Amino acid sequence: MNSSPYARKSHQSSASQTIFCPNCGGDAQRNYRSQIVRTECVHCDYVMAFNLSTATVLEAYHPGIML
């Protein structure tokens, strides 16, 4: 068994932080879970989920942005 303090743990950990929403500038929540980063804004309904290991957008909704 590896006793290194840097060894990968078997359980999933998560963290979150409050950031400025890239869509409206309001407070948004960014959640980190494993290799997935998910950003959500309750003010404008912005959502972005991104896989860090594959550099892939998993889910995106940008109200007010016409594509």
C-alpha atoms as a PDB file:
ATOM      1  CA  MET A   1       0.000   0.000   0.000  1.00  0.00           C
ATOM      2  CA  ASN A   2       1.307   3.440  -0.950  1.00  0.00           C
ATOM      3  CA  SER A   3       1.566   5.700   2.110  1.00  0.00           C
ATOM      4  CA  SER A   4       2.603   8.809   0.179  1.00  0.00           C
ATOM      5  CA  PRO A   5       0.610  11.943   1.106  1.00  0.00           C
ATOM      6  CA  TYR A   6       0.208  12.550  -2.660  1.00  0.00           C
ATOM      7  CA  ALA A   7      -1.364   9.158  -3.398  1.00  0.00           C
ATOM      8  CA  ARG A   8      -4.729   9.251  -5.140  1.00  0.00           C
ATOM      9  CA  LYS A   9      -7.615   8.658  -2.764  1.00  0.00           C
ATOM     10  CA  SER A  10     -10.294   6.142  -3.640  1.00  0.00           C
ATOM     11  CA  HIS A  11     -13.216   8.462  -2.865  1.00  0.00           C
ATOM     12  CA  GLN A  12     -14.332  11.441  -4.959  1.00  0.00           C
ATOM     13  CA  SER A  13     -13.650  14.872  -3.510  1.00  0.00           C
ATOM     14  CA  SER A  14     -15.262  18.101  -4.502  1.00  0.00           C
ATOM     15  CA  ALA A  15     -14.737  21.783  -3.918  1.00  0.00           C
ATOM     16  CA  SER A  16     -16.551  24.933  -4.928  1.00  0.00           C
ATOM     17  CA  GLN A  17     -15.931  28.640  -5.222  1.00  0.00           C
ATOM     18  CA  THR A  18     -17.890  31.777  -6.027  1.00  0.00           C
ATOM     19  CA  ILE A  19     -16.796  33.519  -9.234  1.00  0.00           C
ATOM     20  CA  PHE A  20     -18.104  36.260 -11.529  1.00  0.00           C
ATOM     21  CA  CYS A  21     -20.467  34.827 -14.129  1.00  0.00           C
ATOM     22  CA  PRO A  22     -18.866  35.044 -17.587  1.00  0.00           C
ATOM     23  CA  ASN A  23     -22.324  35.781 -19.055  1.00  0.00           C
ATOM     24  CA  CYS A  24     -23.899  38.426 -16.767  1.00  0.00           C
ATOM     25  CA  GLY A  25     -21.174  39.319 -14.246  1.00  0.00           C
ATOM     26  CA  GLY A  26     -23.247  38.214 -11.237  1.00  0.00           C
ATOM     27  CA  ASP A  27     -22.153  35.743  -8.602  1.00  0.00           C
ATOM     28  CA  ALA A  28     -21.852  32.218 -10.008  1.00  0.00           C
ATOM     29  CA  GLN A  29     -20.884  28.946  -8.382  1.00  0.00           C
ATOM     30  CA  ARG A  30     -18.032  26.870  -9.790  1.00  0.00           C
ATOM     31  CA  ASN A  31     -17.906  23.257  -8.593  1.00  0.00           C
ATOM     32  CA  TYR A  32     -14.964  20.915  -9.025  1.00  0.00           C
ATOM     33  CA  ARG A  33     -15.587  17.171  -8.826  1.00  0.00           C
ATOM     34  CA  SER A  34     -12.958  14.762 -10.022  1.00  0.00           C
ATOM     35  CA  GLN A  35     -12.115  15.921 -13.580  1.00  0.00           C
ATOM     36  CA  ILE A  36     -15.404  17.823 -14.092  1.00  0.00           C
ATOM     37  CA  VAL A  37     -15.724  21.579 -13.593  1.00  0.00           C
ATOM     38  CA  ARG A  38     -19.296  22.884 -13.559  1.00  0.00           C
ATOM     39  CA  THR A  39     -20.179  26.590 -13.466  1.00  0.00           C
ATOM     40  CA  GLU A  40     -23.743  27.746 -12.769  1.00  0.00           C
ATOM     41  CA  CYS A  41     -25.295  31.198 -12.355  1.00  0.00           C
ATOM     42  CA  VAL A  42     -28.661  31.590 -10.614  1.00  0.00           C
ATOM     43  CA  HIS A  43     -29.058  35.127 -11.992  1.00  0.00           C
ATOM     44  CA  CYS A  44     -29.021  34.366 -15.745  1.00  0.00           C
ATOM     45  CA  ASP A  45     -29.151  30.512 -15.860  1.00  0.00           C
ATOM     46  CA  TYR A  46     -25.653  30.207 -17.394  1.00  0.00           C
ATOM     47  CA  VAL A  47     -24.350  26.605 -17.219  1.00  0.00           C
ATOM     48  CA  MET A  48     -21.039  25.144 -18.385  1.00  0.00           C
ATOM     49  CA  ALA A  49     -19.727  21.663 -17.576  1.00  0.00           C
ATOM     50  CA  PHE A  50     -16.220  20.855 -18.757  1.00  0.00           C
ATOM     51  CA  ASN A  51     -14.129  17.681 -18.548  1.00  0.00           C
ATOM     52  CA  LEU A  52     -10.545  18.663 -17.717  1.00  0.00           C
ATOM     53  CA  SER A  53      -8.955  15.361 -18.699  1.00  0.00           C
ATOM     54  CA  THR A  54     -10.447  15.290 -22.220  1.00  0.00           C
ATOM     55  CA  ALA A  55     -10.882  19.067 -22.734  1.00  0.00           C
ATOM     56  CA  THR A  56     -14.508  18.435 -23.699  1.00  0.00           C
ATOM     57  CA  VAL A  57     -17.579  20.566 -23.058  1.00  0.00           C
ATOM     58  CA  LEU A  58     -20.184  18.242 -21.554  1.00  0.00           C
ATOM     59  CA  GLU A  59     -23.040  20.724 -21.164  1.00  0.00           C
ATOM     60  CA  ALA A  60     -23.455  24.386 -22.060  1.00  0.00           C
ATOM     61  CA  TYR A  61     -26.254  26.940 -21.876  1.00  0.00           C
ATOM     62  CA  HIS A  62     -25.590  30.626 -22.421  1.00  0.00           C
ATOM     63  CA  PRO A  63     -28.802  32.671 -22.301  1.00  0.00           C
ATOM     64  CA  GLY A  64     -28.728  35.739 -24.486  1.00  0.00           C
ATOM     65  CA  ILE A  65     -25.866  34.521 -26.675  1.00  0.00           C
ATOM     66  CA  MET A  66     -27.047  33.778 -30.199  1.00  0.00           C
ATOM     67  CA  LEU A  67     -24.985  31.175 -32.042  1.00  0.00           C
END
